PDB file of N, CA and C in Angstrom:
ATOM      1  N   MET A   1      35.147  73.629 122.105  1.00  0.00           N
ATOM      2  CA  MET A   1      35.399  72.576 121.143  1.00  0.00           C
ATOM      3  C   MET A   1      36.270  71.447 121.776  1.00  0.00           C
ATOM      4  N   GLY A   2      35.639  70.315 121.114  1.00  0.00           N
ATOM      5  CA  GLY A   2      36.502  69.186 121.727  1.00  0.00           C
ATOM      6  C   GLY A   2      37.724  68.762 120.950  1.00  0.00           C
ATOM      7  N   VAL A   3      38.768  67.919 121.653  1.00  0.00           N
ATOM      8  CA  VAL A   3      39.595  67.663 120.947  1.00  0.00           C
ATOM      9  C   VAL A   3      39.560  66.011 120.194  1.00  0.00           C
ATOM     10  N   ALA A   4      39.697  65.385 119.368  1.00  0.00           N
ATOM     11  CA  ALA A   4      39.283  63.829 119.319  1.00  0.00           C
ATOM     12  C   ALA A   4      40.628  63.314 119.742  1.00  0.00           C
ATOM     13  N   VAL A   5      40.986  62.725 120.352  1.00  0.00           N
ATOM     14  CA  VAL A   5      41.969  61.945 121.264  1.00  0.00           C
ATOM     15  C   VAL A   5      41.817  60.092 120.662  1.00  0.00           C
ATOM     16  N   PRO A   6      43.124  59.617 119.905  1.00  0.00           N
ATOM     17  CA  PRO A   6      42.847  58.570 119.317  1.00  0.00           C
ATOM     18  C   PRO A   6      42.898  57.305 120.637  1.00  0.00           C
ATOM     19  N   THR A   7      42.003  56.724 120.246  1.00  0.00           N
ATOM     20  CA  THR A   7      42.233  55.332 121.415  1.00  0.00           C
ATOM     21  C   THR A   7      42.730  54.438 120.854  1.00  0.00           C
ATOM     22  N   ALA A   8      42.921  53.503 121.638  1.00  0.00           N
ATOM     23  CA  ALA A   8      43.727  52.160 120.917  1.00  0.00           C
ATOM     24  C   ALA A   8      42.521  51.028 120.426  1.00  0.00           C
ATOM     25  N   LEU A   9      42.465  50.110 119.957  1.00  0.00           N
ATOM     26  CA  LEU A   9      41.628  49.061 119.239  1.00  0.00           C
ATOM     27  C   LEU A   9      41.981  48.146 119.850  1.00  0.00           C
ATOM     28  N   PRO A  10      40.907  47.180 119.827  1.00  0.00           N
ATOM     29  CA  PRO A  10      41.406  45.916 120.422  1.00  0.00           C
ATOM     30  C   PRO A  10      42.267  45.224 119.328  1.00  0.00           C
ATOM     31  N   SER A  11      43.127  43.963 119.856  1.00  0.00           N
ATOM     32  CA  SER A  11      43.633  43.268 118.483  1.00  0.00           C
ATOM     33  C   SER A  11      42.881  42.575 117.804  1.00  0.00           C
ATOM     34  N   ALA A  12      43.374  42.637 116.296  1.00  0.00           N
ATOM     35  CA  ALA A  12      42.293  41.458 115.483  1.00  0.00           C
ATOM     36  C   ALA A  12      43.045  39.950 115.555  1.00  0.00           C
ATOM     37  N   SER A  13      42.193  39.120 115.654  1.00  0.00           N
ATOM     38  CA  SER A  13      42.417  37.947 115.771  1.00  0.00           C
ATOM     39  C   SER A  13      43.149  37.516 114.155  1.00  0.00           C
ATOM     40  N   GLY A  14      44.196  36.629 113.852  1.00  0.00           N
ATOM     41  CA  GLY A  14      44.327  36.677 112.785  1.00  0.00           C
ATOM     42  C   GLY A  14      45.751  35.366 113.029  1.00  0.00           C
ATOM     43  N   TRP A  15      46.144  35.167 112.020  1.00  0.00           N
ATOM     44  CA  TRP A  15      47.727  33.947 111.883  1.00  0.00           C
ATOM     45  C   TRP A  15      48.596  34.437 112.458  1.00  0.00           C
ATOM     46  N   GLN A  16      49.249  33.739 113.169  1.00  0.00           N
ATOM     47  CA  GLN A  16      51.013  33.514 113.498  1.00  0.00           C
ATOM     48  C   GLN A  16      51.625  32.556 113.249  1.00  0.00           C
ATOM     49  N   PHE A  17      52.894  33.148 112.473  1.00  0.00           N
ATOM     50  CA  PHE A  17      53.768  32.004 112.336  1.00  0.00           C
ATOM     51  C   PHE A  17      53.970  31.116 113.831  1.00  0.00           C
ATOM     52  N   TYR A  18      53.814  29.780 113.468  1.00  0.00           N
ATOM     53  CA  TYR A  18      54.004  28.695 114.611  1.00  0.00           C
ATOM     54  C   TYR A  18      55.397  27.959 114.219  1.00  0.00           C
ATOM     55  N   ASP A  19      55.573  27.164 113.375  1.00  0.00           N
ATOM     56  CA  ASP A  19      56.831  26.484 113.336  1.00  0.00           C
ATOM     57  C   ASP A  19      57.102  26.168 111.579  1.00  0.00           C
ATOM     58  N   TRP A  20      57.860  25.555 111.280  1.00  0.00           N
ATOM     59  CA  TRP A  20      58.287  24.800 110.597  1.00  0.00           C
ATOM     60  C   TRP A  20      57.875  23.462 110.303  1.00  0.00           C
ATOM     61  N   THR A  21      57.835  22.458 109.201  1.00  0.00           N
ATOM     62  CA  THR A  21      57.473  21.307 109.007  1.00  0.00           C
ATOM     63  C   THR A  21      57.898  20.845 107.546  1.00  0.00           C
ATOM     64  N   GLU A  22      58.458  19.564 107.553  1.00  0.00           N
ATOM     65  CA  GLU A  22      58.635  18.708 106.593  1.00  0.00           C
ATOM     66  C   GLU A  22      57.840  17.453 106.584  1.00  0.00           C
ATOM     67  N   VAL A  23      56.982  17.589 105.538  1.00  0.00           N
ATOM     68  CA  VAL A  23      55.945  16.253 105.696  1.00  0.00           C
ATOM     69  C   VAL A  23      56.679  15.651 104.228  1.00  0.00           C
ATOM     70  N   GLN A  24      56.217  14.499 104.408  1.00  0.00           N
ATOM     71  CA  GLN A  24      56.521  12.905 103.363  1.00  0.00           C
ATOM     72  C   GLN A  24      55.285  12.082 103.012  1.00  0.00           C
ATOM     73  N   GLY A  25      55.185  12.012 101.620  1.00  0.00           N
ATOM     74  CA  GLY A  25      54.238  10.604 101.809  1.00  0.00           C
ATOM     75  C   GLY A  25      54.569   9.949 100.364  1.00  0.00           C
ATOM     76  N   SER A  26      54.216   8.716 100.284  1.00  0.00           N
ATOM     77  CA  SER A  26      54.209   7.968  98.996  1.00  0.00           C
ATOM     78  C   SER A  26      53.168   6.900  98.670  1.00  0.00           C
ATOM     79  N   ALA A  27      53.265   6.572  97.958  1.00  0.00           N
ATOM     80  CA  ALA A  27      52.204   5.722  97.386  1.00  0.00           C
ATOM     81  C   ALA A  27      52.858   4.680  96.155  1.00  0.00           C
ATOM     82  N   ALA A  28      52.233   3.364  95.729  1.00  0.00           N
ATOM     83  CA  ALA A  28      52.544   2.370  94.710  1.00  0.00           C
ATOM     84  C   ALA A  28      51.553   2.738  93.765  1.00  0.00           C
ATOM     85  N   ALA A  29      52.099   2.495  92.695  1.00  0.00           N
ATOM     86  CA  ALA A  29      51.377   2.582  91.431  1.00  0.00           C
ATOM     87  C   ALA A  29      50.206   1.597  91.389  1.00  0.00           C
ATOM     88  N   VAL A  30      48.906   1.964  90.995  1.00  0.00           N
ATOM     89  CA  VAL A  30      48.193   1.230  90.697  1.00  0.00           C
ATOM     90  C   VAL A  30      47.329   1.841  89.338  1.00  0.00           C
ATOM     91  N   ASP A  31      47.852   0.805  88.319  1.00  0.00           N
ATOM     92  CA  ASP A  31      47.183   0.825  86.909  1.00  0.00           C
ATOM     93  C   ASP A  31      47.703   2.089  86.155  1.00  0.00           C
ATOM     94  N   GLY A  32      48.736   2.429  86.307  1.00  0.00           N
ATOM     95  CA  GLY A  32      49.107   3.618  85.734  1.00  0.00           C
ATOM     96  C   GLY A  32      49.289   4.690  86.673  1.00  0.00           C
ATOM     97  N   VAL A  33      48.787   4.780  87.958  1.00  0.00           N
ATOM     98  CA  VAL A  33      48.747   6.165  88.502  1.00  0.00           C
ATOM     99  C   VAL A  33      48.775   5.759  89.834  1.00  0.00           C
ATOM    100  N   ALA A  34      49.791   6.926  91.092  1.00  0.00           N
ATOM    101  CA  ALA A  34      49.937   6.841  92.051  1.00  0.00           C
ATOM    102  C   ALA A  34      49.729   8.242  92.797  1.00  0.00           C
ATOM    103  N   VAL A  35      49.103   7.921  94.068  1.00  0.00           N
ATOM    104  CA  VAL A  35      48.160   9.002  94.435  1.00  0.00           C
ATOM    105  C   VAL A  35      48.765   9.191  95.853  1.00  0.00           C
ATOM    106  N   VAL A  36      49.080  10.272  96.697  1.00  0.00           N
ATOM    107  CA  VAL A  36      49.577  10.611  97.558  1.00  0.00           C
ATOM    108  C   VAL A  36      48.315  11.501  98.472  1.00  0.00           C
ATOM    109  N   GLU A  37      47.866  11.261  99.015  1.00  0.00           N
ATOM    110  CA  GLU A  37      46.921  12.478 100.277  1.00  0.00           C
ATOM    111  C   GLU A  37      47.611  12.447 101.595  1.00  0.00           C
ATOM    112  N   LEU A  38      47.767  13.733 101.813  1.00  0.00           N
ATOM    113  CA  LEU A  38      48.121  13.850 102.808  1.00  0.00           C
ATOM    114  C   LEU A  38      46.988  14.243 104.038  1.00  0.00           C
ATOM    115  N   ASP A  39      47.049  14.414 105.116  1.00  0.00           N
ATOM    116  CA  ASP A  39      46.265  14.310 105.968  1.00  0.00           C
ATOM    117  C   ASP A  39      45.635  15.872 105.757  1.00  0.00           C
ATOM    118  N   GLN A  40      44.571  15.724 106.392  1.00  0.00           N
ATOM    119  CA  GLN A  40      43.599  17.355 106.623  1.00  0.00           C
ATOM    120  C   GLN A  40      44.082  18.421 107.653  1.00  0.00           C
ATOM    121  N   LEU A  41      44.382  19.289 106.961  1.00  0.00           N
ATOM    122  CA  LEU A  41      44.918  20.399 108.189  1.00  0.00           C
ATOM    123  C   LEU A  41      43.676  20.450 109.283  1.00  0.00           C
ATOM    124  N   ASP A  42      43.921  21.176 110.083  1.00  0.00           N
ATOM    125  CA  ASP A  42      43.057  21.470 111.053  1.00  0.00           C
ATOM    126  C   ASP A  42      42.399  22.662 110.761  1.00  0.00           C
ATOM    127  N   PRO A  43      41.166  22.786 111.305  1.00  0.00           N
ATOM    128  CA  PRO A  43      40.631  24.507 110.837  1.00  0.00           C
ATOM    129  C   PRO A  43      41.122  25.411 111.471  1.00  0.00           C
ATOM    130  N   GLY A  44      42.329  25.267 112.494  1.00  0.00           N
ATOM    131  CA  GLY A  44      42.919  26.854 112.935  1.00  0.00           C
ATOM    132  C   GLY A  44      44.190  26.792 112.439  1.00  0.00           C
ATOM    133  N   GLU A  45      44.496  25.909 111.415  1.00  0.00           N
ATOM    134  CA  GLU A  45      46.134  25.888 110.857  1.00  0.00           C
ATOM    135  C   GLU A  45      45.996  26.123 109.257  1.00  0.00           C
ATOM    136  N   MET A  46      46.933  27.032 108.683  1.00  0.00           N
ATOM    137  CA  MET A  46      47.321  26.667 107.266  1.00  0.00           C
ATOM    138  C   MET A  46      48.798  26.613 107.350  1.00  0.00           C
ATOM    139  N   TRP A  47      49.084  26.352 105.868  1.00  0.00           N
ATOM    140  CA  TRP A  47      50.624  26.313 105.599  1.00  0.00           C
ATOM    141  C   TRP A  47      50.500  27.157 104.473  1.00  0.00           C
ATOM    142  N   LEU A  48      51.841  27.663 104.218  1.00  0.00           N
ATOM    143  CA  LEU A  48      52.432  28.111 103.175  1.00  0.00           C
ATOM    144  C   LEU A  48      53.651  27.224 102.842  1.00  0.00           C
ATOM    145  N   ILE A  49      53.452  26.620 101.417  1.00  0.00           N
ATOM    146  CA  ILE A  49      54.652  25.612 101.082  1.00  0.00           C
ATOM    147  C   ILE A  49      55.821  26.213 100.407  1.00  0.00           C
ATOM    148  N   ASP A  50      56.583  25.994 100.988  1.00  0.00           N
ATOM    149  CA  ASP A  50      57.883  26.909 100.157  1.00  0.00           C
ATOM    150  C   ASP A  50      58.893  26.030  99.109  1.00  0.00           C
ATOM    151  N   ARG A  51      58.633  24.674  99.316  1.00  0.00           N
ATOM    152  CA  ARG A  51      59.329  23.758  98.624  1.00  0.00           C
ATOM    153  C   ARG A  51      58.696  22.425  98.350  1.00  0.00           C
ATOM    154  N   ALA A  52      58.587  21.932  97.276  1.00  0.00           N
ATOM    155  CA  ALA A  52      58.284  20.645  96.902  1.00  0.00           C
ATOM    156  C   ALA A  52      59.144  19.839  96.196  1.00  0.00           C
ATOM    157  N   VAL A  53      59.242  18.574  96.448  1.00  0.00           N
ATOM    158  CA  VAL A  53      60.361  17.142  95.704  1.00  0.00           C
ATOM    159  C   VAL A  53      59.575  16.743  95.642  1.00  0.00           C
ATOM    160  N   ILE A  54      59.083  16.099  93.806  1.00  0.00           N
ATOM    161  CA  ILE A  54      58.611  15.064  93.605  1.00  0.00           C
ATOM    162  C   ILE A  54      59.587  14.156  93.131  1.00  0.00           C
ATOM    163  N   VAL A  55      59.380  12.736  93.074  1.00  0.00           N
ATOM    164  CA  VAL A  55      60.029  11.894  92.552  1.00  0.00           C
ATOM    165  C   VAL A  55      59.128  10.980  91.903  1.00  0.00           C
ATOM    166  N   CYS A  56      59.361   9.605  91.045  1.00  0.00           N
ATOM    167  CA  CYS A  56      58.952   8.327  90.935  1.00  0.00           C
ATOM    168  C   CYS A  56      59.827   7.364  90.380  1.00  0.00           C
ATOM    169  N   ASP A  57      60.017   5.889  90.767  1.00  0.00           N
ATOM    170  CA  ASP A  57      60.897   5.331  90.735  1.00  0.00           C
ATOM    171  C   ASP A  57      60.500   4.419  89.028  1.00  0.00           C
ATOM    172  N   SER A  58      59.415   4.757  88.129  1.00  0.00           N
ATOM    173  CA  SER A  58      58.964   4.516  87.083  1.00  0.00           C
ATOM    174  C   SER A  58      59.984   4.140  86.019  1.00  0.00           C
ATOM    175  N   ASP A  59      59.633   3.069  85.410  1.00  0.00           N
ATOM    176  CA  ASP A  59      60.827   2.877  83.925  1.00  0.00           C
ATOM    177  C   ASP A  59      59.961   3.738  82.917  1.00  0.00           C
ATOM    178  N   THR A  60      58.728   4.148  83.219  1.00  0.00           N
ATOM    179  CA  THR A  60      58.434   4.809  81.816  1.00  0.00           C
ATOM    180  C   THR A  60      58.422   6.514  82.571  1.00  0.00           C
ATOM    181  N   ASP A  61      57.958   7.245  81.526  1.00  0.00           N
ATOM    182  CA  ASP A  61      58.112   8.736  82.206  1.00  0.00           C
ATOM    183  C   ASP A  61      56.827   9.246  83.028  1.00  0.00           C
ATOM    184  N   THR A  62      56.880  10.052  83.333  1.00  0.00           N
ATOM    185  CA  THR A  62      55.590  10.681  84.564  1.00  0.00           C
ATOM    186  C   THR A  62      55.322  11.897  84.615  1.00  0.00           C
ATOM    187  N   ALA A  63      54.136  12.336  84.876  1.00  0.00           N
ATOM    188  CA  ALA A  63      53.506  13.662  84.883  1.00  0.00           C
ATOM    189  C   ALA A  63      52.803  13.927  86.424  1.00  0.00           C
ATOM    190  N   ALA A  64      53.464  14.848  87.403  1.00  0.00           N
ATOM    191  CA  ALA A  64      52.994  14.828  88.430  1.00  0.00           C
ATOM    192  C   ALA A  64      52.124  16.230  88.585  1.00  0.00           C
ATOM    193  N   ARG A  65      51.027  16.080  89.352  1.00  0.00           N
ATOM    194  CA  ARG A  65      50.026  17.256  89.733  1.00  0.00           C
ATOM    195  C   ARG A  65      49.893  17.213  91.129  1.00  0.00           C
ATOM    196  N   LEU A  66      49.699  18.534  91.601  1.00  0.00           N
ATOM    197  CA  LEU A  66      49.462  18.512  93.158  1.00  0.00           C
ATOM    198  C   LEU A  66      47.851  19.417  93.175  1.00  0.00           C
ATOM    199  N   TYR A  67      47.472  18.868  93.839  1.00  0.00           N
ATOM    200  CA  TYR A  67      45.788  19.729  93.990  1.00  0.00           C
ATOM    201  C   TYR A  67      45.342  19.790  95.185  1.00  0.00           C
ATOM    202  N   VAL A  68      44.370  20.744  95.575  1.00  0.00           N
ATOM    203  CA  VAL A  68      43.772  20.952  97.151  1.00  0.00           C
ATOM    204  C   VAL A  68      42.552  20.165  96.860  1.00  0.00           C
ATOM    205  N   ASP A  69      42.221  19.142  97.634  1.00  0.00           N
ATOM    206  CA  ASP A  69      40.829  18.539  98.300  1.00  0.00           C
ATOM    207  C   ASP A  69      40.422  17.619  97.482  1.00  0.00           C
ATOM    208  N   GLY A  70      41.381  17.243  96.644  1.00  0.00           N
ATOM    209  CA  GLY A  70      40.894  16.019  95.552  1.00  0.00           C
ATOM    210  C   GLY A  70      41.111  16.427  94.161  1.00  0.00           C
ATOM    211  N   VAL A  71      41.320  15.383  93.308  1.00  0.00           N
ATOM    212  CA  VAL A  71      41.853  15.345  91.770  1.00  0.00           C
ATOM    213  C   VAL A  71      40.578  15.905  90.615  1.00  0.00           C
ATOM    214  N   ASP A  72      41.225  17.057  90.353  1.00  0.00           N
ATOM    215  CA  ASP A  72      39.990  17.822  89.551  1.00  0.00           C
ATOM    216  C   ASP A  72      40.344  19.045  89.043  1.00  0.00           C
ATOM    217  N   PRO A  73      40.326  19.314  87.665  1.00  0.00           N
ATOM    218  CA  PRO A  73      41.163  20.172  87.203  1.00  0.00           C
ATOM    219  C   PRO A  73      40.869  21.734  87.612  1.00  0.00           C
ATOM    220  N   SER A  74      39.727  22.051  88.368  1.00  0.00           N
ATOM    221  CA  SER A  74      39.560  23.177  89.045  1.00  0.00           C
ATOM    222  C   SER A  74      40.577  23.297  89.968  1.00  0.00           C
ATOM    223  N   ARG A  75      40.926  22.479  90.925  1.00  0.00           N
ATOM    224  CA  ARG A  75      41.484  22.109  92.059  1.00  0.00           C
ATOM    225  C   ARG A  75      43.321  22.150  92.151  1.00  0.00           C
ATOM    226  N   ILE A  76      43.774  22.148  90.636  1.00  0.00           N
ATOM    227  CA  ILE A  76      45.358  21.853  90.679  1.00  0.00           C
ATOM    228  C   ILE A  76      45.792  23.277  90.720  1.00  0.00           C
ATOM    229  N   ARG A  77      46.936  23.137  91.508  1.00  0.00           N
ATOM    230  CA  ARG A  77      47.908  24.014  91.942  1.00  0.00           C
ATOM    231  C   ARG A  77      49.454  24.375  91.631  1.00  0.00           C
ATOM    232  N   SER A  78      49.513  23.096  91.478  1.00  0.00           N
ATOM    233  CA  SER A  78      50.759  23.091  90.585  1.00  0.00           C
ATOM    234  C   SER A  78      51.014  21.630  90.089  1.00  0.00           C
ATOM    235  N   GLY A  79      52.313  21.845  89.313  1.00  0.00           N
ATOM    236  CA  GLY A  79      52.462  20.432  88.292  1.00  0.00           C
ATOM    237  C   GLY A  79      53.790  20.288  87.617  1.00  0.00           C
ATOM    238  N   SER A  80      54.011  19.319  87.227  1.00  0.00           N
ATOM    239  CA  SER A  80      55.230  19.038  86.439  1.00  0.00           C
ATOM    240  C   SER A  80      55.202  18.076  85.359  1.00  0.00           C
ATOM    241  N   ALA A  81      55.628  17.975  84.190  1.00  0.00           N
ATOM    242  CA  ALA A  81      55.746  17.322  83.314  1.00  0.00           C
ATOM    243  C   ALA A  81      56.761  16.135  83.581  1.00  0.00           C
ATOM    244  N   TRP A  82      58.045  16.419  84.722  1.00  0.00           N
ATOM    245  CA  TRP A  82      58.810  15.430  84.806  1.00  0.00           C
ATOM    246  C   TRP A  82      58.623  15.339  86.541  1.00  0.00           C
ATOM    247  N   GLY A  83      57.459  14.372  86.185  1.00  0.00           N
ATOM    248  CA  GLY A  83      57.120  13.771  87.553  1.00  0.00           C
ATOM    249  C   GLY A  83      58.405  12.493  88.134  1.00  0.00           C
ATOM    250  N   ASN A  84      59.348  12.176  87.193  1.00  0.00           N
ATOM    251  CA  ASN A  84      60.166  11.042  87.935  1.00  0.00           C
ATOM    252  C   ASN A  84      61.141  12.058  88.745  1.00  0.00           C
ATOM    253  N   PHE A  85      61.658  12.944  88.543  1.00  0.00           N
ATOM    254  CA  PHE A  85      62.067  14.054  89.650  1.00  0.00           C
ATOM    255  C   PHE A  85      61.748  14.973  89.068  1.00  0.00           C
ATOM    256  N   ASP A  86      61.463  16.183  90.329  1.00  0.00           N
ATOM    257  CA  ASP A  86      61.866  17.337  90.316  1.00  0.00           C
ATOM    258  C   ASP A  86      61.402  18.301  91.351  1.00  0.00           C
ATOM    259  N   GLU A  87      61.947  19.610  91.521  1.00  0.00           N
ATOM    260  CA  GLU A  87      61.469  20.369  92.491  1.00  0.00           C
ATOM    261  C   GLU A  87      61.006  21.845  92.364  1.00  0.00           C
ATOM    262  N   ALA A  88      60.398  22.328  93.419  1.00  0.00           N
ATOM    263  CA  ALA A  88      60.154  23.327  92.701  1.00  0.00           C
ATOM    264  C   ALA A  88      59.930  24.379  94.220  1.00  0.00           C
ATOM    265  N   GLU A  89      60.174  25.531  93.988  1.00  0.00           N
ATOM    266  CA  GLU A  89      60.480  26.694  94.860  1.00  0.00           C
ATOM    267  C   GLU A  89      59.188  27.772  95.072  1.00  0.00           C
ATOM    268  N   TYR A  90      58.854  27.699  96.027  1.00  0.00           N
ATOM    269  CA  TYR A  90      57.300  28.801  95.941  1.00  0.00           C
ATOM    270  C   TYR A  90      57.656  29.992  96.802  1.00  0.00           C
ATOM    271  N   PRO A  91      58.216  30.606  96.350  1.00  0.00           N
ATOM    272  CA  PRO A  91      59.148  32.025  96.998  1.00  0.00           C
ATOM    273  C   PRO A  91      57.889  32.878  97.791  1.00  0.00           C
ATOM    274  N   SER A  92      56.692  33.065  97.449  1.00  0.00           N
ATOM    275  CA  SER A  92      55.657  33.682  98.339  1.00  0.00           C
ATOM    276  C   SER A  92      55.016  32.886  98.958  1.00  0.00           C
ATOM    277  N   GLY A  93      55.321  31.227  98.599  1.00  0.00           N
ATOM    278  CA  GLY A  93      54.225  29.947  99.453  1.00  0.00           C
ATOM    279  C   GLY A  93      53.086  29.904  98.763  1.00  0.00           C
ATOM    280  N   LEU A  94      52.916  28.599  98.558  1.00  0.00           N
ATOM    281  CA  LEU A  94      51.849  28.067  97.772  1.00  0.00           C
ATOM    282  C   LEU A  94      50.987  27.835  99.118  1.00  0.00           C
ATOM    283  N   LEU A  95      49.802  28.181  98.939  1.00  0.00           N
ATOM    284  CA  LEU A  95      48.600  28.298 100.053  1.00  0.00           C
ATOM    285  C   LEU A  95      47.882  27.193 100.322  1.00  0.00           C
ATOM    286  N   LEU A  96      47.816  26.324 101.642  1.00  0.00           N
ATOM    287  CA  LEU A  96      46.986  25.332 101.785  1.00  0.00           C
ATOM    288  C   LEU A  96      46.190  26.083 102.851  1.00  0.00           C
ATOM    289  N   ARG A  97      44.978  25.916 102.850  1.00  0.00           N
ATOM    290  CA  ARG A  97      43.898  26.842 103.445  1.00  0.00           C
ATOM    291  C   ARG A  97      43.561  25.659 104.660  1.00  0.00           C
ATOM    292  N   PRO A  98      43.106  26.439 105.836  1.00  0.00           N
ATOM    293  CA  PRO A  98      42.482  25.325 107.196  1.00  0.00           C
ATOM    294  C   PRO A  98      41.631  24.387 106.403  1.00  0.00           C
ATOM    295  N   SER A  99      41.793  23.165 106.935  1.00  0.00           N
ATOM    296  CA  SER A  99      40.503  22.513 106.693  1.00  0.00           C
ATOM    297  C   SER A  99      40.637  21.782 105.329  1.00  0.00           C
ATOM    298  N   SER A 100      41.988  22.191 104.586  1.00  0.00           N
ATOM    299  CA  SER A 100      41.982  21.528 103.812  1.00  0.00           C
ATOM    300  C   SER A 100      43.088  20.284 103.324  1.00  0.00           C
ATOM    301  N   ARG A 101      43.622  19.519 102.467  1.00  0.00           N
ATOM    302  CA  ARG A 101      44.315  18.533 102.225  1.00  0.00           C
ATOM    303  C   ARG A 101      44.854  19.070 100.870  1.00  0.00           C
ATOM    304  N   LEU A 102      46.199  18.464 100.719  1.00  0.00           N
ATOM    305  CA  LEU A 102      46.743  18.326  99.495  1.00  0.00           C
ATOM    306  C   LEU A 102      47.030  16.923  98.860  1.00  0.00           C
ATOM    307  N   VAL A 103      46.484  16.917  97.947  1.00  0.00           N
ATOM    308  CA  VAL A 103      46.762  15.635  97.168  1.00  0.00           C
ATOM    309  C   VAL A 103      47.968  15.709  96.059  1.00  0.00           C
ATOM    310  N   ALA A 104      48.838  14.656  95.747  1.00  0.00           N
ATOM    311  CA  ALA A 104      49.771  14.398  94.610  1.00  0.00           C
ATOM    312  C   ALA A 104      49.093  13.352  93.672  1.00  0.00           C
ATOM    313  N   ARG A 105      49.490  13.569  92.383  1.00  0.00           N
ATOM    314  CA  ARG A 105      49.030  12.316  91.462  1.00  0.00           C
ATOM    315  C   ARG A 105      50.160  12.226  90.565  1.00  0.00           C
ATOM    316  N   TRP A 106      50.529  10.982  89.959  1.00  0.00           N
ATOM    317  CA  TRP A 106      51.273  10.765  89.223  1.00  0.00           C
ATOM    318  C   TRP A 106      50.805  10.006  88.187  1.00  0.00           C
ATOM    319  N   ASP A 107      50.948  10.638  86.745  1.00  0.00           N
ATOM    320  CA  ASP A 107      50.008   9.778  85.708  1.00  0.00           C
ATOM    321  C   ASP A 107      50.988   8.764  84.868  1.00  0.00           C
ATOM    322  N   GLY A 108      50.796   7.828  84.237  1.00  0.00           N
ATOM    323  CA  GLY A 108      51.987   7.220  83.509  1.00  0.00           C
ATOM    324  C   GLY A 108      52.766   6.586  84.015  1.00  0.00           C
ATOM    325  N   CYS A 109      52.762   6.014  85.384  1.00  0.00           N
ATOM    326  CA  CYS A 109      53.629   4.900  86.038  1.00  0.00           C
ATOM    327  C   CYS A 109      53.678   3.436  85.721  1.00  0.00           C
ATOM    328  N   SER A 110      54.972   3.138  85.446  1.00  0.00           N
ATOM    329  CA  SER A 110      54.833   1.225  85.360  1.00  0.00           C
ATOM    330  C   SER A 110      54.758   0.398  86.627  1.00  0.00           C
ATOM    331  N   ALA A 111      53.989  -0.303  85.916  1.00  0.00           N
ATOM    332  CA  ALA A 111      53.657  -1.763  87.148  1.00  0.00           C
ATOM    333  C   ALA A 111      55.038  -1.511  88.195  1.00  0.00           C
ATOM    334  N   GLY A 112      54.449  -1.622  89.482  1.00  0.00           N
ATOM    335  CA  GLY A 112      55.369  -1.679  90.675  1.00  0.00           C
ATOM    336  C   GLY A 112      56.088  -0.451  90.980  1.00  0.00           C
ATOM    337  N   ALA A 113      55.842   0.608  90.397  1.00  0.00           N
ATOM    338  CA  ALA A 113      56.410   2.071  90.833  1.00  0.00           C
ATOM    339  C   ALA A 113      56.121   2.640  92.001  1.00  0.00           C
ATOM    340  N   THR A 114      56.879   3.214  92.484  1.00  0.00           N
ATOM    341  CA  THR A 114      56.738   3.880  93.677  1.00  0.00           C
ATOM    342  C   THR A 114      56.700   5.542  93.781  1.00  0.00           C
ATOM    343  N   ALA A 115      55.742   6.316  94.163  1.00  0.00           N
ATOM    344  CA  ALA A 115      56.073   8.034  93.942  1.00  0.00           C
ATOM    345  C   ALA A 115      56.082   8.416  95.546  1.00  0.00           C
ATOM    346  N   ALA A 116      56.878   9.413  95.447  1.00  0.00           N
ATOM    347  CA  ALA A 116      57.103   9.879  96.781  1.00  0.00           C
ATOM    348  C   ALA A 116      57.072  11.445  96.721  1.00  0.00           C
ATOM    349  N   LEU A 117      56.411  12.432  97.839  1.00  0.00           N
ATOM    350  CA  LEU A 117      56.486  13.903  97.939  1.00  0.00           C
ATOM    351  C   LEU A 117      57.035  14.589  98.781  1.00  0.00           C
ATOM    352  N   THR A 118      57.695  15.161  99.043  1.00  0.00           N
ATOM    353  CA  THR A 118      58.434  15.893 100.300  1.00  0.00           C
ATOM    354  C   THR A 118      58.229  17.400  99.826  1.00  0.00           C
ATOM    355  N   LEU A 119      57.702  17.773 101.350  1.00  0.00           N
ATOM    356  CA  LEU A 119      57.373  19.310 101.166  1.00  0.00           C
ATOM    357  C   LEU A 119      57.887  19.966 102.146  1.00  0.00           C
ATOM    358  N   GLN A 120      58.321  21.170 102.227  1.00  0.00           N
ATOM    359  CA  GLN A 120      58.468  21.776 103.609  1.00  0.00           C
ATOM    360  C   GLN A 120      57.660  23.042 103.803  1.00  0.00           C
ATOM    361  N   ALA A 121      57.407  23.105 104.601  1.00  0.00           N
ATOM    362  CA  ALA A 121      56.022  24.461 104.790  1.00  0.00           C
ATOM    363  C   ALA A 121      56.372  25.351 106.033  1.00  0.00           C
ATOM    364  N   ARG A 122      55.805  26.486 106.055  1.00  0.00           N
ATOM    365  CA  ARG A 122      55.913  27.331 107.217  1.00  0.00           C
ATOM    366  C   ARG A 122      54.237  26.923 107.675  1.00  0.00           C
ATOM    367  N   VAL A 123      54.462  26.820 108.736  1.00  0.00           N
ATOM    368  CA  VAL A 123      52.624  26.303 109.583  1.00  0.00           C
ATOM    369  C   VAL A 123      52.331  27.678 110.488  1.00  0.00           C
ATOM    370  N   TYR A 124      51.041  28.161 110.217  1.00  0.00           N
ATOM    371  CA  TYR A 124      50.280  29.360 110.847  1.00  0.00           C
ATOM    372  C   TYR A 124      49.491  28.976 111.765  1.00  0.00           C
ATOM    373  N   ARG A 125      49.375  29.596 112.837  1.00  0.00           N
ATOM    374  CA  ARG A 125      47.878  28.850 113.397  1.00  0.00           C
ATOM    375  C   ARG A 125      47.294  30.622 113.606  1.00  0.00           C
ATOM    376  N   ARG A 126      45.979  30.254 113.700  1.00  0.00           N
ATOM    377  CA  ARG A 126      45.359  31.292 114.517  1.00  0.00           C
ATOM    378  C   ARG A 126      45.587  31.643 115.687  1.00  0.00           C
ATOM    379  N   ALA A 127      45.342  33.042 115.707  1.00  0.00           N
ATOM    380  CA  ALA A 127      45.937  33.506 116.972  1.00  0.00           C
ATOM    381  C   ALA A 127      44.581  33.767 118.003  1.00  0.00           C
TER     382      ALA A 127
END
């Protein structure tokens, strides 16, 4: 009778924490709308967004929404009815997948307003 002896398995590829990042973007409003589009992530990189701060110097109240890969109701990930200033904490992280990009959009901006987005995120790279 033989005895099964455990053998080591090769390590699986996965994701490893690489660094922290802080990203900022801003845009001027056109026809009541301001849009900030961040650069697309590399295929071997993903982010877990821990914190987002939105601000807009509009004279009117604005609303802000965060989308992945384009402004579409099915792509919304977060938002605020207080787009002139708000902040959000994401304890488990707001996932931004490889090869995707984050788009922030403010609606209801007054003429000449500027909107800005600041993100703090954990960067993971494929191992």
